[in-house]
Amino acid sequence: RMAANTASITGTALGGMLVAGVGPGWG
């Protein structure tokens, strides 16, 4: 569960950067 929670947090932050930086398609 710790690994899953860490991955989910990181993924959410990464998603925001990808959508803002290169667009939702690359996300």
mmCIF file of all heavy atoms, coordinates in Angstrom:
data_MODEL
# 
_entry.id   MODEL 
# 
loop_
_atom_site.group_PDB 
_atom_site.id 
_atom_site.type_symbol 
_atom_site.label_atom_id 
_atom_site.label_alt_id 
_atom_site.label_comp_id 
_atom_site.label_asym_id 
_atom_site.label_entity_id 
_atom_site.label_seq_id 
_atom_site.pdbx_PDB_ins_code 
_atom_site.Cartn_x 
_atom_site.Cartn_y 
_atom_site.Cartn_z 
_atom_site.occupancy 
_atom_site.B_iso_or_equiv 
_atom_site.pdbx_formal_charge 
_atom_site.auth_seq_id 
_atom_site.auth_comp_id 
_atom_site.auth_asym_id 
_atom_site.auth_atom_id 
_atom_site.pdbx_PDB_model_num 
ATOM 1   N N   . ARG A 1 1  ? 0.820  -1.200 0.000   1.00 0.00 ? 1  ARG A N   1 
ATOM 2   C CA  . ARG A 1 1  ? 0.000  0.000  0.000   1.00 0.00 ? 1  ARG A CA  1 
ATOM 3   C C   . ARG A 1 1  ? 0.863  1.264  0.000   1.00 0.00 ? 1  ARG A C   1 
ATOM 4   O O   . ARG A 1 1  ? 0.508  2.265  -0.626  1.00 0.00 ? 1  ARG A O   1 
ATOM 5   C CB  . ARG A 1 1  ? -0.951 -0.016 1.194   1.00 0.00 ? 1  ARG A CB  1 
ATOM 6   C CG  . ARG A 1 1  ? -2.050 -1.072 1.074   1.00 0.00 ? 1  ARG A CG  1 
ATOM 7   C CD  . ARG A 1 1  ? -3.095 -0.909 2.170   1.00 0.00 ? 1  ARG A CD  1 
ATOM 8   N NE  . ARG A 1 1  ? -3.686 0.421  2.118   1.00 0.00 ? 1  ARG A NE  1 
ATOM 9   C CZ  . ARG A 1 1  ? -4.665 0.785  1.296   1.00 0.00 ? 1  ARG A CZ  1 
ATOM 10  N NH1 . ARG A 1 1  ? -5.161 -0.093 0.435   1.00 0.00 ? 1  ARG A NH1 1 
ATOM 11  N NH2 . ARG A 1 1  ? -5.156 2.006  1.337   1.00 0.00 ? 1  ARG A NH2 1 
ATOM 12  N N   . MET A 1 2  ? 1.989  1.233  0.693   1.00 0.00 ? 2  MET A N   1 
ATOM 13  C CA  . MET A 1 2  ? 2.880  2.397  0.679   1.00 0.00 ? 2  MET A CA  1 
ATOM 14  C C   . MET A 1 2  ? 3.403  2.656  -0.737  1.00 0.00 ? 2  MET A C   1 
ATOM 15  O O   . MET A 1 2  ? 3.444  3.795  -1.198  1.00 0.00 ? 2  MET A O   1 
ATOM 16  C CB  . MET A 1 2  ? 4.050  2.172  1.638   1.00 0.00 ? 2  MET A CB  1 
ATOM 17  C CG  . MET A 1 2  ? 3.679  2.251  3.116   1.00 0.00 ? 2  MET A CG  1 
ATOM 18  S SD  . MET A 1 2  ? 5.101  1.933  4.187   1.00 0.00 ? 2  MET A SD  1 
ATOM 19  C CE  . MET A 1 2  ? 6.071  3.415  3.875   1.00 0.00 ? 2  MET A CE  1 
ATOM 20  N N   . ALA A 1 3  ? 3.795  1.581  -1.411  1.00 0.00 ? 3  ALA A N   1 
ATOM 21  C CA  . ALA A 1 3  ? 4.269  1.732  -2.785  1.00 0.00 ? 3  ALA A CA  1 
ATOM 22  C C   . ALA A 1 3  ? 3.159  2.264  -3.682  1.00 0.00 ? 3  ALA A C   1 
ATOM 23  O O   . ALA A 1 3  ? 3.389  3.142  -4.530  1.00 0.00 ? 3  ALA A O   1 
ATOM 24  C CB  . ALA A 1 3  ? 4.780  0.387  -3.301  1.00 0.00 ? 3  ALA A CB  1 
ATOM 25  N N   . ALA A 1 4  ? 1.940  1.746  -3.493  1.00 0.00 ? 4  ALA A N   1 
ATOM 26  C CA  . ALA A 1 4  ? 0.814  2.189  -4.317  1.00 0.00 ? 4  ALA A CA  1 
ATOM 27  C C   . ALA A 1 4  ? 0.480  3.654  -4.068  1.00 0.00 ? 4  ALA A C   1 
ATOM 28  O O   . ALA A 1 4  ? 0.235  4.428  -5.009  1.00 0.00 ? 4  ALA A O   1 
ATOM 29  C CB  . ALA A 1 4  ? -0.404 1.309  -4.038  1.00 0.00 ? 4  ALA A CB  1 
ATOM 30  N N   . ASN A 1 5  ? 0.458  4.073  -2.798  1.00 0.00 ? 5  ASN A N   1 
ATOM 31  C CA  . ASN A 1 5  ? 0.147  5.466  -2.479  1.00 0.00 ? 5  ASN A CA  1 
ATOM 32  C C   . ASN A 1 5  ? 1.211  6.413  -3.017  1.00 0.00 ? 5  ASN A C   1 
ATOM 33  O O   . ASN A 1 5  ? 0.906  7.488  -3.548  1.00 0.00 ? 5  ASN A O   1 
ATOM 34  C CB  . ASN A 1 5  ? 0.014  5.645  -0.962  1.00 0.00 ? 5  ASN A CB  1 
ATOM 35  C CG  . ASN A 1 5  ? -1.257 5.012  -0.415  1.00 0.00 ? 5  ASN A CG  1 
ATOM 36  O OD1 . ASN A 1 5  ? -2.265 4.947  -1.101  1.00 0.00 ? 5  ASN A OD1 1 
ATOM 37  N ND2 . ASN A 1 5  ? -1.211 4.532  0.812   1.00 0.00 ? 5  ASN A ND2 1 
ATOM 38  N N   . THR A 1 6  ? 2.479  6.010  -2.884  1.00 0.00 ? 6  THR A N   1 
ATOM 39  C CA  . THR A 1 6  ? 3.563  6.839  -3.411  1.00 0.00 ? 6  THR A CA  1 
ATOM 40  C C   . THR A 1 6  ? 3.435  6.990  -4.921  1.00 0.00 ? 6  THR A C   1 
ATOM 41  O O   . THR A 1 6  ? 3.605  8.089  -5.476  1.00 0.00 ? 6  THR A O   1 
ATOM 42  C CB  . THR A 1 6  ? 4.928  6.228  -3.063  1.00 0.00 ? 6  THR A CB  1 
ATOM 43  O OG1 . THR A 1 6  ? 5.043  6.106  -1.640  1.00 0.00 ? 6  THR A OG1 1 
ATOM 44  C CG2 . THR A 1 6  ? 6.061  7.088  -3.587  1.00 0.00 ? 6  THR A CG2 1 
ATOM 45  N N   . ALA A 1 7  ? 3.133  5.880  -5.593  1.00 0.00 ? 7  ALA A N   1 
ATOM 46  C CA  . ALA A 1 7  ? 3.000  5.912  -7.048  1.00 0.00 ? 7  ALA A CA  1 
ATOM 47  C C   . ALA A 1 7  ? 1.822  6.793  -7.460  1.00 0.00 ? 7  ALA A C   1 
ATOM 48  O O   . ALA A 1 7  ? 1.913  7.552  -8.443  1.00 0.00 ? 7  ALA A O   1 
ATOM 49  C CB  . ALA A 1 7  ? 2.817  4.503  -7.593  1.00 0.00 ? 7  ALA A CB  1 
ATOM 50  N N   . SER A 1 8  ? 0.718  6.716  -6.730  1.00 0.00 ? 8  SER A N   1 
ATOM 51  C CA  . SER A 1 8  ? -0.454 7.519  -7.076  1.00 0.00 ? 8  SER A CA  1 
ATOM 52  C C   . SER A 1 8  ? -0.174 9.010  -6.919  1.00 0.00 ? 8  SER A C   1 
ATOM 53  O O   . SER A 1 8  ? -0.559 9.828  -7.770  1.00 0.00 ? 8  SER A O   1 
ATOM 54  C CB  . SER A 1 8  ? -1.643 7.115  -6.201  1.00 0.00 ? 8  SER A CB  1 
ATOM 55  O OG  . SER A 1 8  ? -2.015 5.779  -6.455  1.00 0.00 ? 8  SER A OG  1 
ATOM 56  N N   . ILE A 1 9  ? 0.507  9.372  -5.826  1.00 0.00 ? 9  ILE A N   1 
ATOM 57  C CA  . ILE A 1 9  ? 0.849  10.780 -5.611  1.00 0.00 ? 9  ILE A CA  1 
ATOM 58  C C   . ILE A 1 9  ? 1.769  11.273 -6.723  1.00 0.00 ? 9  ILE A C   1 
ATOM 59  O O   . ILE A 1 9  ? 1.563  12.339 -7.311  1.00 0.00 ? 9  ILE A O   1 
ATOM 60  C CB  . ILE A 1 9  ? 1.535  10.957 -4.240  1.00 0.00 ? 9  ILE A CB  1 
ATOM 61  C CG1 . ILE A 1 9  ? 0.565  10.625 -3.108  1.00 0.00 ? 9  ILE A CG1 1 
ATOM 62  C CG2 . ILE A 1 9  ? 2.045  12.384 -4.077  1.00 0.00 ? 9  ILE A CG2 1 
ATOM 63  C CD1 . ILE A 1 9  ? 1.226  10.532 -1.752  1.00 0.00 ? 9  ILE A CD1 1 
ATOM 64  N N   . THR A 1 10 ? 2.807  10.487 -7.008  1.00 0.00 ? 10 THR A N   1 
ATOM 65  C CA  . THR A 1 10 ? 3.759  10.867 -8.053  1.00 0.00 ? 10 THR A CA  1 
ATOM 66  C C   . THR A 1 10 ? 3.078  10.967 -9.410  1.00 0.00 ? 10 THR A C   1 
ATOM 67  O O   . THR A 1 10 ? 3.343  11.896 -10.194 1.00 0.00 ? 10 THR A O   1 
ATOM 68  C CB  . THR A 1 10 ? 4.903  9.844  -8.122  1.00 0.00 ? 10 THR A CB  1 
ATOM 69  O OG1 . THR A 1 10 ? 5.492  9.705  -6.837  1.00 0.00 ? 10 THR A OG1 1 
ATOM 70  C CG2 . THR A 1 10 ? 5.961  10.261 -9.130  1.00 0.00 ? 10 THR A CG2 1 
ATOM 71  N N   . GLY A 1 11 ? 2.183  10.019 -9.697  1.00 0.00 ? 11 GLY A N   1 
ATOM 72  C CA  . GLY A 1 11 ? 1.478  10.032 -10.965 1.00 0.00 ? 11 GLY A CA  1 
ATOM 73  C C   . GLY A 1 11 ? 0.595  11.244 -11.138 1.00 0.00 ? 11 GLY A C   1 
ATOM 74  O O   . GLY A 1 11 ? 0.532  11.836 -12.225 1.00 0.00 ? 11 GLY A O   1 
ATOM 75  N N   . THR A 1 12 ? -0.094 11.646 -10.054 1.00 0.00 ? 12 THR A N   1 
ATOM 76  C CA  . THR A 1 12 ? -0.949 12.826 -10.134 1.00 0.00 ? 12 THR A CA  1 
ATOM 77  C C   . THR A 1 12 ? -0.130 14.077 -10.423 1.00 0.00 ? 12 THR A C   1 
ATOM 78  O O   . THR A 1 12 ? -0.494 14.910 -11.271 1.00 0.00 ? 12 THR A O   1 
ATOM 79  C CB  . THR A 1 12 ? -1.733 12.996 -8.825  1.00 0.00 ? 12 THR A CB  1 
ATOM 80  O OG1 . THR A 1 12 ? -2.526 11.819 -8.593  1.00 0.00 ? 12 THR A OG1 1 
ATOM 81  C CG2 . THR A 1 12 ? -2.642 14.206 -8.881  1.00 0.00 ? 12 THR A CG2 1 
ATOM 82  N N   . ALA A 1 13 ? 1.000  14.216 -9.705  1.00 0.00 ? 13 ALA A N   1 
ATOM 83  C CA  . ALA A 1 13 ? 1.869  15.374 -9.943  1.00 0.00 ? 13 ALA A CA  1 
ATOM 84  C C   . ALA A 1 13 ? 2.441  15.348 -11.357 1.00 0.00 ? 13 ALA A C   1 
ATOM 85  O O   . ALA A 1 13 ? 2.483  16.372 -12.056 1.00 0.00 ? 13 ALA A O   1 
ATOM 86  C CB  . ALA A 1 13 ? 2.999  15.390 -8.915  1.00 0.00 ? 13 ALA A CB  1 
ATOM 87  N N   . LEU A 1 14 ? 2.870  14.171 -11.802 1.00 0.00 ? 14 LEU A N   1 
ATOM 88  C CA  . LEU A 1 14 ? 3.414  14.037 -13.153 1.00 0.00 ? 14 LEU A CA  1 
ATOM 89  C C   . LEU A 1 14 ? 2.360  14.342 -14.203 1.00 0.00 ? 14 LEU A C   1 
ATOM 90  O O   . LEU A 1 14 ? 2.642  14.977 -15.232 1.00 0.00 ? 14 LEU A O   1 
ATOM 91  C CB  . LEU A 1 14 ? 3.959  12.618 -13.346 1.00 0.00 ? 14 LEU A CB  1 
ATOM 92  C CG  . LEU A 1 14 ? 4.558  12.276 -14.716 1.00 0.00 ? 14 LEU A CG  1 
ATOM 93  C CD1 . LEU A 1 14 ? 5.752  13.179 -15.011 1.00 0.00 ? 14 LEU A CD1 1 
ATOM 94  C CD2 . LEU A 1 14 ? 4.959  10.810 -14.771 1.00 0.00 ? 14 LEU A CD2 1 
ATOM 95  N N   . GLY A 1 15 ? 1.133  13.910 -13.949 1.00 0.00 ? 15 GLY A N   1 
ATOM 96  C CA  . GLY A 1 15 ? 0.048  14.194 -14.881 1.00 0.00 ? 15 GLY A CA  1 
ATOM 97  C C   . GLY A 1 15 ? -0.172 15.671 -15.075 1.00 0.00 ? 15 GLY A C   1 
ATOM 98  O O   . GLY A 1 15 ? -0.358 16.154 -16.204 1.00 0.00 ? 15 GLY A O   1 
ATOM 99  N N   . GLY A 1 16 ? -0.148 16.422 -13.975 1.00 0.00 ? 16 GLY A N   1 
ATOM 100 C CA  . GLY A 1 16 ? -0.312 17.865 -14.079 1.00 0.00 ? 16 GLY A CA  1 
ATOM 101 C C   . GLY A 1 16 ? 0.788  18.511 -14.900 1.00 0.00 ? 16 GLY A C   1 
ATOM 102 O O   . GLY A 1 16 ? 0.529  19.389 -15.743 1.00 0.00 ? 16 GLY A O   1 
ATOM 103 N N   . MET A 1 17 ? 2.017  18.062 -14.688 1.00 0.00 ? 17 MET A N   1 
ATOM 104 C CA  . MET A 1 17 ? 3.137  18.639 -15.446 1.00 0.00 ? 17 MET A CA  1 
ATOM 105 C C   . MET A 1 17 ? 3.063  18.288 -16.930 1.00 0.00 ? 17 MET A C   1 
ATOM 106 O O   . MET A 1 17 ? 3.323  19.120 -17.798 1.00 0.00 ? 17 MET A O   1 
ATOM 107 C CB  . MET A 1 17 ? 4.464  18.155 -14.847 1.00 0.00 ? 17 MET A CB  1 
ATOM 108 C CG  . MET A 1 17 ? 4.761  18.734 -13.463 1.00 0.00 ? 17 MET A CG  1 
ATOM 109 S SD  . MET A 1 17 ? 6.423  18.304 -12.862 1.00 0.00 ? 17 MET A SD  1 
ATOM 110 C CE  . MET A 1 17 ? 6.241  16.548 -12.558 1.00 0.00 ? 17 MET A CE  1 
ATOM 111 N N   . LEU A 1 18 ? 2.681  17.033 -17.227 1.00 0.00 ? 18 LEU A N   1 
ATOM 112 C CA  . LEU A 1 18 ? 2.598  16.616 -18.627 1.00 0.00 ? 18 LEU A CA  1 
ATOM 113 C C   . LEU A 1 18 ? 1.489  17.349 -19.371 1.00 0.00 ? 18 LEU A C   1 
ATOM 114 O O   . LEU A 1 18 ? 1.674  17.805 -20.505 1.00 0.00 ? 18 LEU A O   1 
ATOM 115 C CB  . LEU A 1 18 ? 2.377  15.104 -18.708 1.00 0.00 ? 18 LEU A CB  1 
ATOM 116 C CG  . LEU A 1 18 ? 3.579  14.214 -18.350 1.00 0.00 ? 18 LEU A CG  1 
ATOM 117 C CD1 . LEU A 1 18 ? 3.153  12.754 -18.273 1.00 0.00 ? 18 LEU A CD1 1 
ATOM 118 C CD2 . LEU A 1 18 ? 4.682  14.389 -19.392 1.00 0.00 ? 18 LEU A CD2 1 
ATOM 119 N N   . VAL A 1 19 ? 0.328  17.448 -18.729 1.00 0.00 ? 19 VAL A N   1 
ATOM 120 C CA  . VAL A 1 19 ? -0.795 18.127 -19.375 1.00 0.00 ? 19 VAL A CA  1 
ATOM 121 C C   . VAL A 1 19 ? -0.458 19.589 -19.635 1.00 0.00 ? 19 VAL A C   1 
ATOM 122 O O   . VAL A 1 19 ? -0.738 20.137 -20.708 1.00 0.00 ? 19 VAL A O   1 
ATOM 123 C CB  . VAL A 1 19 ? -2.062 17.999 -18.503 1.00 0.00 ? 19 VAL A CB  1 
ATOM 124 C CG1 . VAL A 1 19 ? -3.158 18.940 -19.003 1.00 0.00 ? 19 VAL A CG1 1 
ATOM 125 C CG2 . VAL A 1 19 ? -2.565 16.561 -18.511 1.00 0.00 ? 19 VAL A CG2 1 
ATOM 126 N N   . ALA A 1 20 ? 0.173  20.240 -18.652 1.00 0.00 ? 20 ALA A N   1 
ATOM 127 C CA  . ALA A 1 20 ? 0.516  21.656 -18.813 1.00 0.00 ? 20 ALA A CA  1 
ATOM 128 C C   . ALA A 1 20 ? 1.678  21.852 -19.779 1.00 0.00 ? 20 ALA A C   1 
ATOM 129 O O   . ALA A 1 20 ? 1.709  22.832 -20.531 1.00 0.00 ? 20 ALA A O   1 
ATOM 130 C CB  . ALA A 1 20 ? 0.871  22.259 -17.449 1.00 0.00 ? 20 ALA A CB  1 
ATOM 131 N N   . GLY A 1 21 ? 2.621  20.907 -19.777 1.00 0.00 ? 21 GLY A N   1 
ATOM 132 C CA  . GLY A 1 21 ? 3.832  21.093 -20.568 1.00 0.00 ? 21 GLY A CA  1 
ATOM 133 C C   . GLY A 1 21 ? 3.744  20.616 -22.003 1.00 0.00 ? 21 GLY A C   1 
ATOM 134 O O   . GLY A 1 21 ? 4.146  21.340 -22.929 1.00 0.00 ? 21 GLY A O   1 
ATOM 135 N N   . VAL A 1 22 ? 3.241  19.386 -22.218 1.00 0.00 ? 22 VAL A N   1 
ATOM 136 C CA  . VAL A 1 22 ? 3.248  18.821 -23.574 1.00 0.00 ? 22 VAL A CA  1 
ATOM 137 C C   . VAL A 1 22 ? 1.869  18.383 -24.056 1.00 0.00 ? 22 VAL A C   1 
ATOM 138 O O   . VAL A 1 22 ? 1.727  17.933 -25.196 1.00 0.00 ? 22 VAL A O   1 
ATOM 139 C CB  . VAL A 1 22 ? 4.227  17.621 -23.660 1.00 0.00 ? 22 VAL A CB  1 
ATOM 140 C CG1 . VAL A 1 22 ? 5.647  18.082 -23.445 1.00 0.00 ? 22 VAL A CG1 1 
ATOM 141 C CG2 . VAL A 1 22 ? 3.851  16.539 -22.643 1.00 0.00 ? 22 VAL A CG2 1 
ATOM 142 N N   . GLY A 1 23 ? 0.844  18.482 -23.218 1.00 0.00 ? 23 GLY A N   1 
ATOM 143 C CA  . GLY A 1 23 ? -0.508 18.161 -23.651 1.00 0.00 ? 23 GLY A CA  1 
ATOM 144 C C   . GLY A 1 23 ? -1.004 16.833 -23.113 1.00 0.00 ? 23 GLY A C   1 
ATOM 145 O O   . GLY A 1 23 ? -0.211 15.954 -22.747 1.00 0.00 ? 23 GLY A O   1 
ATOM 146 N N   . PRO A 1 24 ? -2.326 16.665 -23.055 1.00 0.00 ? 24 PRO A N   1 
ATOM 147 C CA  . PRO A 1 24 ? -2.909 15.454 -22.468 1.00 0.00 ? 24 PRO A CA  1 
ATOM 148 C C   . PRO A 1 24 ? -2.598 14.188 -23.234 1.00 0.00 ? 24 PRO A C   1 
ATOM 149 O O   . PRO A 1 24 ? -2.543 13.104 -22.660 1.00 0.00 ? 24 PRO A O   1 
ATOM 150 C CB  . PRO A 1 24 ? -4.416 15.754 -22.477 1.00 0.00 ? 24 PRO A CB  1 
ATOM 151 C CG  . PRO A 1 24 ? -4.610 16.823 -23.502 1.00 0.00 ? 24 PRO A CG  1 
ATOM 152 C CD  . PRO A 1 24 ? -3.363 17.628 -23.471 1.00 0.00 ? 24 PRO A CD  1 
ATOM 153 N N   . GLY A 1 25 ? -2.394 14.276 -24.553 1.00 0.00 ? 25 GLY A N   1 
ATOM 154 C CA  . GLY A 1 25 ? -2.109 13.071 -25.331 1.00 0.00 ? 25 GLY A CA  1 
ATOM 155 C C   . GLY A 1 25 ? -0.869 12.353 -24.859 1.00 0.00 ? 25 GLY A C   1 
ATOM 156 O O   . GLY A 1 25 ? -0.835 11.121 -24.760 1.00 0.00 ? 25 GLY A O   1 
ATOM 157 N N   . TRP A 1 26 ? 0.188  13.114 -24.530 1.00 0.00 ? 26 TRP A N   1 
ATOM 158 C CA  . TRP A 1 26 ? 1.424  12.494 -24.066 1.00 0.00 ? 26 TRP A CA  1 
ATOM 159 C C   . TRP A 1 26 ? 1.274  11.931 -22.657 1.00 0.00 ? 26 TRP A C   1 
ATOM 160 O O   . TRP A 1 26 ? 1.965  10.978 -22.280 1.00 0.00 ? 26 TRP A O   1 
ATOM 161 C CB  . TRP A 1 26 ? 2.572  13.494 -24.142 1.00 0.00 ? 26 TRP A CB  1 
ATOM 162 C CG  . TRP A 1 26 ? 2.950  13.774 -25.561 1.00 0.00 ? 26 TRP A CG  1 
ATOM 163 C CD1 . TRP A 1 26 ? 2.681  14.896 -26.289 1.00 0.00 ? 26 TRP A CD1 1 
ATOM 164 C CD2 . TRP A 1 26 ? 3.637  12.883 -26.441 1.00 0.00 ? 26 TRP A CD2 1 
ATOM 165 N NE1 . TRP A 1 26 ? 3.141  14.766 -27.577 1.00 0.00 ? 26 TRP A NE1 1 
ATOM 166 C CE2 . TRP A 1 26 ? 3.748  13.544 -27.699 1.00 0.00 ? 26 TRP A CE2 1 
ATOM 167 C CE3 . TRP A 1 26 ? 4.165  11.604 -26.303 1.00 0.00 ? 26 TRP A CE3 1 
ATOM 168 C CZ2 . TRP A 1 26 ? 4.360  12.954 -28.790 1.00 0.00 ? 26 TRP A CZ2 1 
ATOM 169 C CZ3 . TRP A 1 26 ? 4.780  11.021 -27.403 1.00 0.00 ? 26 TRP A CZ3 1 
ATOM 170 C CH2 . TRP A 1 26 ? 4.880  11.688 -28.620 1.00 0.00 ? 26 TRP A CH2 1 
ATOM 171 N N   . GLY A 1 27 ? 0.378  12.494 -21.876 1.00 0.00 ? 27 GLY A N   1 
ATOM 172 C CA  . GLY A 1 27 ? 0.076  11.893 -20.581 1.00 0.00 ? 27 GLY A CA  1 
ATOM 173 C C   . GLY A 1 27 ? -0.523 10.507 -20.746 1.00 0.00 ? 27 GLY A C   1 
ATOM 174 O O   . GLY A 1 27 ? -0.210 9.572  -19.993 1.00 0.00 ? 27 GLY A O   1 
# 
